[in-house]
Structures are given as C-alpha cells and as structure tokens.
Amino acid sequence: MHVVHVLVRVRPEAVESFRRATIDNARSSLEEPGIVRFDVSQRADDPTRFVLVEVYRTKDDPPRHRQTPHYAAWRDAVEPMMAEARAKVEYVNVYPDDNAWE
C-alpha cells in the first residue's frame, strides 16, 4: 500500500466550504479501484487545518486519481480557500499487512 498524507490549511471563512468539497471528493475517490481509504480529519485545536489520509493500492494510483474529474473539480474549488499551499508526505505501509486492508 502507498499512503499519502495531504496537509492543508484553509482560510477561516472557508472552513465549512472546504469541508463540504473535500467530503464530496473523498466519497467519489473511494469509488476508484486504486483507492483503499480516503480519510478527512480536522485538527481539534485549529479548525483551519486538515489532513487527508489517502491509501492507495500502488504508487501508480495517486497519479491516476489526480486525472479524475472529481479531483479536478475539488482542486479548482478549494484553491481559493487555501491559506497556504498544500503539502504532501508519502509513506509505505508497515502494519497491518497489505492483505489486511481488503
């Protein structure tokens, strides 16, 4: 499994709009065959900060995800909401074993 954490900080007035757009994108993303999980979390002590935890079957799946219409719609919708550029960190799965994700 290939795990991506996307770190996001949005403008305070955009928090609810960002949440809605991101949940819509996450729901659509879970329909992609290469995506195992797509979690959206908001920091408890700073509601303008989010982390998206995306779990893909292979390292080749994130580029395919970024080619989907729902991703493009999300990217374009949230761009003006950003307080700073998104950051991503990529990981490889350690535990549970990849087969346990099924």
PDB file of N, CA and C in Angstrom:
ATOM      1  N   MET A   1       0.838  -1.178   0.000  1.00  0.00           N
ATOM      2  CA  MET A   1       0.000   0.000   0.000  1.00  0.00           C
ATOM      3  C   MET A   1       0.885   1.244   0.000  1.00  0.00           C
ATOM      4  N   HIS A   2       0.360   2.259  -0.614  1.00  0.00           N
ATOM      5  CA  HIS A   2       1.040   3.556  -0.706  1.00  0.00           C
ATOM      6  C   HIS A   2       0.150   4.556   0.020  1.00  0.00           C
ATOM      7  N   VAL A   3       0.695   5.210   1.033  1.00  0.00           N
ATOM      8  CA  VAL A   3      -0.087   6.105   1.888  1.00  0.00           C
ATOM      9  C   VAL A   3       0.389   7.541   1.681  1.00  0.00           C
ATOM     10  N   VAL A   4      -0.574   8.435   1.481  1.00  0.00           N
ATOM     11  CA  VAL A   4      -0.265   9.846   1.277  1.00  0.00           C
ATOM     12  C   VAL A   4      -1.016  10.656   2.325  1.00  0.00           C
ATOM     13  N   HIS A   5      -0.285  11.523   3.030  1.00  0.00           N
ATOM     14  CA  HIS A   5      -0.897  12.491   3.935  1.00  0.00           C
ATOM     15  C   HIS A   5      -0.816  13.851   3.262  1.00  0.00           C
ATOM     16  N   VAL A   6      -1.961  14.477   3.078  1.00  0.00           N
ATOM     17  CA  VAL A   6      -2.013  15.816   2.493  1.00  0.00           C
ATOM     18  C   VAL A   6      -2.361  16.780   3.622  1.00  0.00           C
ATOM     19  N   LEU A   7      -1.474  17.726   3.871  1.00  0.00           N
ATOM     20  CA  LEU A   7      -1.646  18.692   4.951  1.00  0.00           C
ATOM     21  C   LEU A   7      -2.189  19.987   4.357  1.00  0.00           C
ATOM     22  N   VAL A   8      -3.292  20.458   4.941  1.00  0.00           N
ATOM     23  CA  VAL A   8      -3.995  21.603   4.382  1.00  0.00           C
ATOM     24  C   VAL A   8      -4.288  22.624   5.476  1.00  0.00           C
ATOM     25  N   ARG A   9      -4.119  23.886   5.119  1.00  0.00           N
ATOM     26  CA  ARG A   9      -4.559  24.990   5.982  1.00  0.00           C
ATOM     27  C   ARG A   9      -5.413  25.906   5.130  1.00  0.00           C
ATOM     28  N   VAL A  10      -6.658  26.101   5.565  1.00  0.00           N
ATOM     29  CA  VAL A  10      -7.586  26.935   4.803  1.00  0.00           C
ATOM     30  C   VAL A  10      -7.851  28.243   5.539  1.00  0.00           C
ATOM     31  N   ARG A  11      -8.358  29.213   4.787  1.00  0.00           N
ATOM     32  CA  ARG A  11      -8.731  30.488   5.395  1.00  0.00           C
ATOM     33  C   ARG A  11      -9.915  30.251   6.340  1.00  0.00           C
ATOM     34  N   PRO A  12      -9.964  30.934   7.473  1.00  0.00           N
ATOM     35  CA  PRO A  12     -11.022  30.682   8.466  1.00  0.00           C
ATOM     36  C   PRO A  12     -12.437  30.772   7.887  1.00  0.00           C
ATOM     37  N   GLU A  13     -12.659  31.704   7.008  1.00  0.00           N
ATOM     38  CA  GLU A  13     -14.007  31.865   6.449  1.00  0.00           C
ATOM     39  C   GLU A  13     -14.367  30.764   5.444  1.00  0.00           C
ATOM     40  N   ALA A  14     -13.410  29.927   5.085  1.00  0.00           N
ATOM     41  CA  ALA A  14     -13.637  28.881   4.091  1.00  0.00           C
ATOM     42  C   ALA A  14     -13.741  27.482   4.694  1.00  0.00           C
ATOM     43  N   VAL A  15     -13.674  27.363   5.993  1.00  0.00           N
ATOM     44  CA  VAL A  15     -13.621  26.042   6.635  1.00  0.00           C
ATOM     45  C   VAL A  15     -14.808  25.166   6.225  1.00  0.00           C
ATOM     46  N   GLU A  16     -16.009  25.655   6.336  1.00  0.00           N
ATOM     47  CA  GLU A  16     -17.175  24.828   6.030  1.00  0.00           C
ATOM     48  C   GLU A  16     -17.260  24.483   4.554  1.00  0.00           C
ATOM     49  N   SER A  17     -16.950  25.422   3.689  1.00  0.00           N
ATOM     50  CA  SER A  17     -16.955  25.140   2.252  1.00  0.00           C
ATOM     51  C   SER A  17     -15.892  24.107   1.904  1.00  0.00           C
ATOM     52  N   PHE A  18     -14.725  24.220   2.522  1.00  0.00           N
ATOM     53  CA  PHE A  18     -13.664  23.246   2.288  1.00  0.00           C
ATOM     54  C   PHE A  18     -14.098  21.861   2.750  1.00  0.00           C
ATOM     55  N   ARG A  19     -14.695  21.797   3.923  1.00  0.00           N
ATOM     56  CA  ARG A  19     -15.164  20.502   4.441  1.00  0.00           C
ATOM     57  C   ARG A  19     -16.126  19.838   3.460  1.00  0.00           C
ATOM     58  N   ARG A  20     -17.116  20.586   2.997  1.00  0.00           N
ATOM     59  CA  ARG A  20     -18.115  20.024   2.082  1.00  0.00           C
ATOM     60  C   ARG A  20     -17.466  19.531   0.788  1.00  0.00           C
ATOM     61  N   ALA A  21     -16.631  20.379   0.188  1.00  0.00           N
ATOM     62  CA  ALA A  21     -15.978  19.999  -1.076  1.00  0.00           C
ATOM     63  C   ALA A  21     -15.078  18.779  -0.892  1.00  0.00           C
ATOM     64  N   THR A  22     -14.391  18.722   0.226  1.00  0.00           N
ATOM     65  CA  THR A  22     -13.446  17.632   0.466  1.00  0.00           C
ATOM     66  C   THR A  22     -14.166  16.319   0.760  1.00  0.00           C
ATOM     67  N   ILE A  23     -15.251  16.386   1.477  1.00  0.00           N
ATOM     68  CA  ILE A  23     -16.038  15.172   1.724  1.00  0.00           C
ATOM     69  C   ILE A  23     -16.612  14.641   0.406  1.00  0.00           C
ATOM     70  N   ASP A  24     -17.096  15.521  -0.451  1.00  0.00           N
ATOM     71  CA  ASP A  24     -17.592  15.091  -1.766  1.00  0.00           C
ATOM     72  C   ASP A  24     -16.482  14.407  -2.560  1.00  0.00           C
ATOM     73  N   ASN A  25     -15.290  15.007  -2.552  1.00  0.00           N
ATOM     74  CA  ASN A  25     -14.158  14.407  -3.266  1.00  0.00           C
ATOM     75  C   ASN A  25     -13.783  13.052  -2.656  1.00  0.00           C
ATOM     76  N   ALA A  26     -13.778  12.962  -1.350  1.00  0.00           N
ATOM     77  CA  ALA A  26     -13.420  11.705  -0.688  1.00  0.00           C
ATOM     78  C   ALA A  26     -14.408  10.604  -1.053  1.00  0.00           C
ATOM     79  N   ARG A  27     -15.695  10.919  -1.039  1.00  0.00           N
ATOM     80  CA  ARG A  27     -16.712   9.913  -1.398  1.00  0.00           C
ATOM     81  C   ARG A  27     -16.499   9.404  -2.816  1.00  0.00           C
ATOM     82  N   SER A  28     -16.281  10.314  -3.745  1.00  0.00           N
ATOM     83  CA  SER A  28     -16.054   9.910  -5.134  1.00  0.00           C
ATOM     84  C   SER A  28     -14.751   9.136  -5.281  1.00  0.00           C
ATOM     85  N   SER A  29     -13.736   9.541  -4.540  1.00  0.00           N
ATOM     86  CA  SER A  29     -12.435   8.883  -4.618  1.00  0.00           C
ATOM     87  C   SER A  29     -12.520   7.423  -4.184  1.00  0.00           C
ATOM     88  N   LEU A  30     -13.354   7.137  -3.197  1.00  0.00           N
ATOM     89  CA  LEU A  30     -13.482   5.764  -2.708  1.00  0.00           C
ATOM     90  C   LEU A  30     -14.089   4.825  -3.748  1.00  0.00           C
ATOM     91  N   GLU A  31     -14.649   5.376  -4.804  1.00  0.00           N
ATOM     92  CA  GLU A  31     -15.186   4.549  -5.888  1.00  0.00           C
ATOM     93  C   GLU A  31     -14.094   4.142  -6.887  1.00  0.00           C
ATOM     94  N   GLU A  32     -12.922   4.747  -6.783  1.00  0.00           N
ATOM     95  CA  GLU A  32     -11.816   4.406  -7.673  1.00  0.00           C
ATOM     96  C   GLU A  32     -11.235   3.051  -7.257  1.00  0.00           C
ATOM     97  N   PRO A  33     -10.912   2.194  -8.238  1.00  0.00           N
ATOM     98  CA  PRO A  33     -10.385   0.868  -7.880  1.00  0.00           C
ATOM     99  C   PRO A  33      -9.038   0.907  -7.163  1.00  0.00           C
ATOM    100  N   GLY A  34      -8.239   1.943  -7.342  1.00  0.00           N
ATOM    101  CA  GLY A  34      -6.919   2.007  -6.726  1.00  0.00           C
ATOM    102  C   GLY A  34      -6.887   2.609  -5.337  1.00  0.00           C
ATOM    103  N   ILE A  35      -8.038   3.066  -4.839  1.00  0.00           N
ATOM    104  CA  ILE A  35      -8.069   3.714  -3.520  1.00  0.00           C
ATOM    105  C   ILE A  35      -8.718   2.789  -2.499  1.00  0.00           C
ATOM    106  N   VAL A  36      -8.004   2.567  -1.400  1.00  0.00           N
ATOM    107  CA  VAL A  36      -8.483   1.708  -0.329  1.00  0.00           C
ATOM    108  C   VAL A  36      -9.161   2.528   0.759  1.00  0.00           C
ATOM    109  N   ARG A  37      -8.586   3.686   1.087  1.00  0.00           N
ATOM    110  CA  ARG A  37      -9.149   4.590   2.109  1.00  0.00           C
ATOM    111  C   ARG A  37      -8.918   6.023   1.671  1.00  0.00           C
ATOM    112  N   PHE A  38      -9.808   6.891   2.142  1.00  0.00           N
ATOM    113  CA  PHE A  38      -9.642   8.321   1.907  1.00  0.00           C
ATOM    114  C   PHE A  38     -10.268   9.017   3.106  1.00  0.00           C
ATOM    115  N   ASP A  39      -9.453   9.292   4.109  1.00  0.00           N
ATOM    116  CA  ASP A  39      -9.927   9.865   5.368  1.00  0.00           C
ATOM    117  C   ASP A  39      -9.689  11.370   5.391  1.00  0.00           C
ATOM    118  N   VAL A  40     -10.644  12.086   5.956  1.00  0.00           N
ATOM    119  CA  VAL A  40     -10.538  13.534   6.108  1.00  0.00           C
ATOM    120  C   VAL A  40     -10.619  13.828   7.600  1.00  0.00           C
ATOM    121  N   SER A  41      -9.568  14.459   8.144  1.00  0.00           N
ATOM    122  CA  SER A  41      -9.543  14.804   9.569  1.00  0.00           C
ATOM    123  C   SER A  41      -9.254  16.289   9.720  1.00  0.00           C
ATOM    124  N   GLN A  42      -9.861  16.862  10.758  1.00  0.00           N
ATOM    125  CA  GLN A  42      -9.701  18.286  11.059  1.00  0.00           C
ATOM    126  C   GLN A  42      -9.065  18.408  12.436  1.00  0.00           C
ATOM    127  N   ARG A  43      -8.091  19.287  12.542  1.00  0.00           N
ATOM    128  CA  ARG A  43      -7.407  19.444  13.836  1.00  0.00           C
ATOM    129  C   ARG A  43      -8.367  19.958  14.893  1.00  0.00           C
ATOM    130  N   ALA A  44      -8.295  19.367  16.067  1.00  0.00           N
ATOM    131  CA  ALA A  44      -9.176  19.753  17.172  1.00  0.00           C
ATOM    132  C   ALA A  44      -8.851  21.138  17.702  1.00  0.00           C
ATOM    133  N   ASP A  45      -7.571  21.505  17.705  1.00  0.00           N
ATOM    134  CA  ASP A  45      -7.168  22.789  18.292  1.00  0.00           C
ATOM    135  C   ASP A  45      -7.036  23.908  17.261  1.00  0.00           C
ATOM    136  N   ASP A  46      -7.231  23.606  15.988  1.00  0.00           N
ATOM    137  CA  ASP A  46      -7.157  24.622  14.937  1.00  0.00           C
ATOM    138  C   ASP A  46      -8.025  24.149  13.764  1.00  0.00           C
ATOM    139  N   PRO A  47      -9.278  24.575  13.725  1.00  0.00           N
ATOM    140  CA  PRO A  47     -10.207  24.077  12.709  1.00  0.00           C
ATOM    141  C   PRO A  47      -9.852  24.470  11.273  1.00  0.00           C
ATOM    142  N   THR A  48      -8.847  25.294  11.085  1.00  0.00           N
ATOM    143  CA  THR A  48      -8.428  25.649   9.725  1.00  0.00           C
ATOM    144  C   THR A  48      -7.444  24.642   9.148  1.00  0.00           C
ATOM    145  N   ARG A  49      -7.034  23.666   9.947  1.00  0.00           N
ATOM    146  CA  ARG A  49      -6.035  22.692   9.496  1.00  0.00           C
ATOM    147  C   ARG A  49      -6.670  21.309   9.343  1.00  0.00           C
ATOM    148  N   PHE A  50      -6.358  20.687   8.231  1.00  0.00           N
ATOM    149  CA  PHE A  50      -6.885  19.373   7.891  1.00  0.00           C
ATOM    150  C   PHE A  50      -5.743  18.466   7.472  1.00  0.00           C
ATOM    151  N   VAL A  51      -5.987  17.173   7.586  1.00  0.00           N
ATOM    152  CA  VAL A  51      -5.095  16.186   6.985  1.00  0.00           C
ATOM    153  C   VAL A  51      -5.979  15.202   6.229  1.00  0.00           C
ATOM    154  N   LEU A  52      -5.599  14.942   4.993  1.00  0.00           N
ATOM    155  CA  LEU A  52      -6.262  13.927   4.190  1.00  0.00           C
ATOM    156  C   LEU A  52      -5.333  12.725   4.174  1.00  0.00           C
ATOM    157  N   VAL A  53      -5.832  11.581   4.564  1.00  0.00           N
ATOM    158  CA  VAL A  53      -5.035  10.360   4.571  1.00  0.00           C
ATOM    159  C   VAL A  53      -5.581   9.473   3.465  1.00  0.00           C
ATOM    160  N   GLU A  54      -4.786   9.314   2.436  1.00  0.00           N
ATOM    161  CA  GLU A  54      -5.191   8.582   1.244  1.00  0.00           C
ATOM    162  C   GLU A  54      -4.363   7.304   1.167  1.00  0.00           C
ATOM    163  N   VAL A  55      -5.034   6.163   1.091  1.00  0.00           N
ATOM    164  CA  VAL A  55      -4.342   4.888   0.999  1.00  0.00           C
ATOM    165  C   VAL A  55      -4.639   4.287  -0.371  1.00  0.00           C
ATOM    166  N   TYR A  56      -3.571   4.086  -1.134  1.00  0.00           N
ATOM    167  CA  TYR A  56      -3.657   3.562  -2.494  1.00  0.00           C
ATOM    168  C   TYR A  56      -3.075   2.165  -2.546  1.00  0.00           C
ATOM    169  N   ARG A  57      -3.539   1.388  -3.500  1.00  0.00           N
ATOM    170  CA  ARG A  57      -3.024   0.033  -3.665  1.00  0.00           C
ATOM    171  C   ARG A  57      -1.570   0.037  -4.132  1.00  0.00           C
ATOM    172  N   THR A  58      -1.220   0.973  -5.025  1.00  0.00           N
ATOM    173  CA  THR A  58       0.151   1.043  -5.538  1.00  0.00           C
ATOM    174  C   THR A  58       0.571   2.503  -5.642  1.00  0.00           C
ATOM    175  N   LYS A  59       1.863   2.728  -5.834  1.00  0.00           N
ATOM    176  CA  LYS A  59       2.359   4.087  -6.001  1.00  0.00           C
ATOM    177  C   LYS A  59       1.942   4.679  -7.336  1.00  0.00           C
ATOM    178  N   ASP A  60       1.430   3.855  -8.244  1.00  0.00           N
ATOM    179  CA  ASP A  60       0.946   4.345  -9.535  1.00  0.00           C
ATOM    180  C   ASP A  60      -0.489   4.870  -9.463  1.00  0.00           C
ATOM    181  N   ASP A  61      -1.193   4.607  -8.381  1.00  0.00           N
ATOM    182  CA  ASP A  61      -2.588   5.031  -8.272  1.00  0.00           C
ATOM    183  C   ASP A  61      -2.794   6.516  -7.981  1.00  0.00           C
ATOM    184  N   PRO A  62      -1.935   7.189  -7.199  1.00  0.00           N
ATOM    185  CA  PRO A  62      -2.155   8.624  -6.981  1.00  0.00           C
ATOM    186  C   PRO A  62      -2.179   9.454  -8.269  1.00  0.00           C
ATOM    187  N   PRO A  63      -1.267   9.210  -9.236  1.00  0.00           N
ATOM    188  CA  PRO A  63      -1.369   9.991 -10.476  1.00  0.00           C
ATOM    189  C   PRO A  63      -2.675   9.734 -11.232  1.00  0.00           C
ATOM    190  N   ARG A  64      -3.172   8.510 -11.174  1.00  0.00           N
ATOM    191  CA  ARG A  64      -4.464   8.219 -11.816  1.00  0.00           C
ATOM    192  C   ARG A  64      -5.584   8.970 -11.111  1.00  0.00           C
ATOM    193  N   HIS A  65      -5.521   9.028  -9.787  1.00  0.00           N
ATOM    194  CA  HIS A  65      -6.516   9.774  -9.007  1.00  0.00           C
ATOM    195  C   HIS A  65      -6.539  11.240  -9.430  1.00  0.00           C
ATOM    196  N   ARG A  66      -5.362  11.807  -9.622  1.00  0.00           N
ATOM    197  CA  ARG A  66      -5.290  13.232  -9.978  1.00  0.00           C
ATOM    198  C   ARG A  66      -5.778  13.521 -11.395  1.00  0.00           C
ATOM    199  N   GLN A  67      -6.067  12.495 -12.168  1.00  0.00           N
ATOM    200  CA  GLN A  67      -6.615  12.669 -13.515  1.00  0.00           C
ATOM    201  C   GLN A  67      -8.145  12.585 -13.547  1.00  0.00           C
ATOM    202  N   THR A  68      -8.772  12.308 -12.414  1.00  0.00           N
ATOM    203  CA  THR A  68     -10.227  12.130 -12.404  1.00  0.00           C
ATOM    204  C   THR A  68     -10.948  13.476 -12.406  1.00  0.00           C
ATOM    205  N   PRO A  69     -12.141  13.510 -12.967  1.00  0.00           N
ATOM    206  CA  PRO A  69     -12.929  14.754 -12.959  1.00  0.00           C
ATOM    207  C   PRO A  69     -13.257  15.249 -11.551  1.00  0.00           C
ATOM    208  N   HIS A  70     -13.533  14.332 -10.613  1.00  0.00           N
ATOM    209  CA  HIS A  70     -13.878  14.798  -9.262  1.00  0.00           C
ATOM    210  C   HIS A  70     -12.677  15.424  -8.566  1.00  0.00           C
ATOM    211  N   TYR A  71     -11.481  14.901  -8.826  1.00  0.00           N
ATOM    212  CA  TYR A  71     -10.296  15.534  -8.241  1.00  0.00           C
ATOM    213  C   TYR A  71     -10.095  16.930  -8.833  1.00  0.00           C
ATOM    214  N   ALA A  72     -10.218  17.058 -10.150  1.00  0.00           N
ATOM    215  CA  ALA A  72     -10.036  18.366 -10.803  1.00  0.00           C
ATOM    216  C   ALA A  72     -11.056  19.372 -10.274  1.00  0.00           C
ATOM    217  N   ALA A  73     -12.293  18.931 -10.095  1.00  0.00           N
ATOM    218  CA  ALA A  73     -13.325  19.827  -9.557  1.00  0.00           C
ATOM    219  C   ALA A  73     -12.979  20.254  -8.134  1.00  0.00           C
ATOM    220  N   TRP A  74     -12.513  19.301  -7.322  1.00  0.00           N
ATOM    221  CA  TRP A  74     -12.127  19.630  -5.942  1.00  0.00           C
ATOM    222  C   TRP A  74     -10.955  20.612  -5.938  1.00  0.00           C
ATOM    223  N   ARG A  75      -9.919  20.294  -6.696  1.00  0.00           N
ATOM    224  CA  ARG A  75      -8.716  21.133  -6.744  1.00  0.00           C
ATOM    225  C   ARG A  75      -9.075  22.568  -7.114  1.00  0.00           C
ATOM    226  N   ASP A  76      -9.881  22.721  -8.139  1.00  0.00           N
ATOM    227  CA  ASP A  76     -10.251  24.066  -8.589  1.00  0.00           C
ATOM    228  C   ASP A  76     -11.136  24.783  -7.579  1.00  0.00           C
ATOM    229  N   ALA A  77     -12.026  24.022  -6.919  1.00  0.00           N
ATOM    230  CA  ALA A  77     -12.929  24.639  -5.933  1.00  0.00           C
ATOM    231  C   ALA A  77     -12.187  25.100  -4.689  1.00  0.00           C
ATOM    232  N   VAL A  78     -11.227  24.309  -4.215  1.00  0.00           N
ATOM    233  CA  VAL A  78     -10.587  24.634  -2.939  1.00  0.00           C
ATOM    234  C   VAL A  78      -9.385  25.561  -3.077  1.00  0.00           C
ATOM    235  N   GLU A  79      -8.854  25.705  -4.273  1.00  0.00           N
ATOM    236  CA  GLU A  79      -7.667  26.552  -4.455  1.00  0.00           C
ATOM    237  C   GLU A  79      -7.831  27.944  -3.826  1.00  0.00           C
ATOM    238  N   PRO A  80      -8.939  28.647  -4.074  1.00  0.00           N
ATOM    239  CA  PRO A  80      -9.068  29.977  -3.457  1.00  0.00           C
ATOM    240  C   PRO A  80      -9.317  29.942  -1.949  1.00  0.00           C
ATOM    241  N   MET A  81      -9.580  28.779  -1.403  1.00  0.00           N
ATOM    242  CA  MET A  81      -9.829  28.647   0.036  1.00  0.00           C
ATOM    243  C   MET A  81      -8.545  28.482   0.844  1.00  0.00           C
ATOM    244  N   MET A  82      -7.446  28.205   0.163  1.00  0.00           N
ATOM    245  CA  MET A  82      -6.200  27.875   0.844  1.00  0.00           C
ATOM    246  C   MET A  82      -5.553  29.095   1.496  1.00  0.00           C
ATOM    247  N   ALA A  83      -5.091  28.895   2.739  1.00  0.00           N
ATOM    248  CA  ALA A  83      -4.316  29.926   3.434  1.00  0.00           C
ATOM    249  C   ALA A  83      -2.838  29.778   3.099  1.00  0.00           C
ATOM    250  N   GLU A  84      -2.463  28.578   2.644  1.00  0.00           N
ATOM    251  CA  GLU A  84      -1.091  28.306   2.212  1.00  0.00           C
ATOM    252  C   GLU A  84      -1.133  27.099   1.295  1.00  0.00           C
ATOM    253  N   ALA A  85      -0.067  26.857   0.594  1.00  0.00           N
ATOM    254  CA  ALA A  85      -0.020  25.728  -0.335  1.00  0.00           C
ATOM    255  C   ALA A  85      -0.152  24.398   0.411  1.00  0.00           C
ATOM    256  N   ARG A  86      -0.843  23.459  -0.217  1.00  0.00           N
ATOM    257  CA  ARG A  86      -0.948  22.122   0.361  1.00  0.00           C
ATOM    258  C   ARG A  86       0.436  21.476   0.390  1.00  0.00           C
ATOM    259  N   ALA A  87       0.628  20.598   1.357  1.00  0.00           N
ATOM    260  CA  ALA A  87       1.865  19.827   1.430  1.00  0.00           C
ATOM    261  C   ALA A  87       1.487  18.355   1.483  1.00  0.00           C
ATOM    262  N   LYS A  88       2.323  17.512   0.910  1.00  0.00           N
ATOM    263  CA  LYS A  88       2.040  16.080   1.000  1.00  0.00           C
ATOM    264  C   LYS A  88       3.287  15.341   1.431  1.00  0.00           C
ATOM    265  N   VAL A  89       3.054  14.255   2.144  1.00  0.00           N
ATOM    266  CA  VAL A  89       4.112  13.375   2.598  1.00  0.00           C
ATOM    267  C   VAL A  89       3.678  11.971   2.210  1.00  0.00           C
ATOM    268  N   GLU A  90       4.574  11.221   1.575  1.00  0.00           N
ATOM    269  CA  GLU A  90       4.246   9.876   1.120  1.00  0.00           C
ATOM    270  C   GLU A  90       4.918   8.837   2.008  1.00  0.00           C
ATOM    271  N   TYR A  91       4.193   7.750   2.243  1.00  0.00           N
ATOM    272  CA  TYR A  91       4.655   6.670   3.104  1.00  0.00           C
ATOM    273  C   TYR A  91       4.436   5.328   2.419  1.00  0.00           C
ATOM    274  N   VAL A  92       5.125   4.314   2.906  1.00  0.00           N
ATOM    275  CA  VAL A  92       4.818   2.936   2.542  1.00  0.00           C
ATOM    276  C   VAL A  92       4.219   2.273   3.777  1.00  0.00           C
ATOM    277  N   ASN A  93       3.306   1.376   3.545  1.00  0.00           N
ATOM    278  CA  ASN A  93       2.632   0.694   4.635  1.00  0.00           C
ATOM    279  C   ASN A  93       3.588  -0.245   5.372  1.00  0.00           C
ATOM    280  N   VAL A  94       3.469  -0.282   6.690  1.00  0.00           N
ATOM    281  CA  VAL A  94       4.237  -1.208   7.516  1.00  0.00           C
ATOM    282  C   VAL A  94       3.303  -2.214   8.191  1.00  0.00           C
ATOM    283  N   TYR A  95       2.278  -1.714   8.848  1.00  0.00           N
ATOM    284  CA  TYR A  95       1.328  -2.571   9.555  1.00  0.00           C
ATOM    285  C   TYR A  95      -0.027  -1.908   9.581  1.00  0.00           C
ATOM    286  N   PRO A  96      -1.111  -2.595   9.372  1.00  0.00           N
ATOM    287  CA  PRO A  96      -1.206  -4.028   9.135  1.00  0.00           C
ATOM    288  C   PRO A  96      -0.699  -4.408   7.756  1.00  0.00           C
ATOM    289  N   ASP A  97      -0.491  -5.691   7.565  1.00  0.00           N
ATOM    290  CA  ASP A  97      -0.044  -6.198   6.273  1.00  0.00           C
ATOM    291  C   ASP A  97      -1.006  -5.728   5.180  1.00  0.00           C
ATOM    292  N   ASP A  98      -0.486  -5.530   3.985  1.00  0.00           N
ATOM    293  CA  ASP A  98      -1.310  -5.039   2.879  1.00  0.00           C
ATOM    294  C   ASP A  98      -2.571  -5.873   2.672  1.00  0.00           C
ATOM    295  N   ASN A  99      -2.480  -7.164   2.868  1.00  0.00           N
ATOM    296  CA  ASN A  99      -3.646  -8.044   2.686  1.00  0.00           C
ATOM    297  C   ASN A  99      -4.742  -7.758   3.697  1.00  0.00           C
ATOM    298  N   ALA A 100      -4.407  -7.176   4.825  1.00  0.00           N
ATOM    299  CA  ALA A 100      -5.412  -6.878   5.861  1.00  0.00           C
ATOM    300  C   ALA A 100      -6.282  -5.685   5.473  1.00  0.00           C
ATOM    301  N   TRP A 101      -5.906  -4.937   4.452  1.00  0.00           N
ATOM    302  CA  TRP A 101      -6.695  -3.785   4.015  1.00  0.00           C
ATOM    303  C   TRP A 101      -7.917  -4.215   3.207  1.00  0.00           C
ATOM    304  N   GLU A 102      -7.949  -5.432   2.768  1.00  0.00           N
ATOM    305  CA  GLU A 102      -9.066  -5.917   1.916  1.00  0.00           C
ATOM    306  C   GLU A 102     -10.324  -6.103   2.713  1.00  0.00           C
TER     307      GLU A 102
END
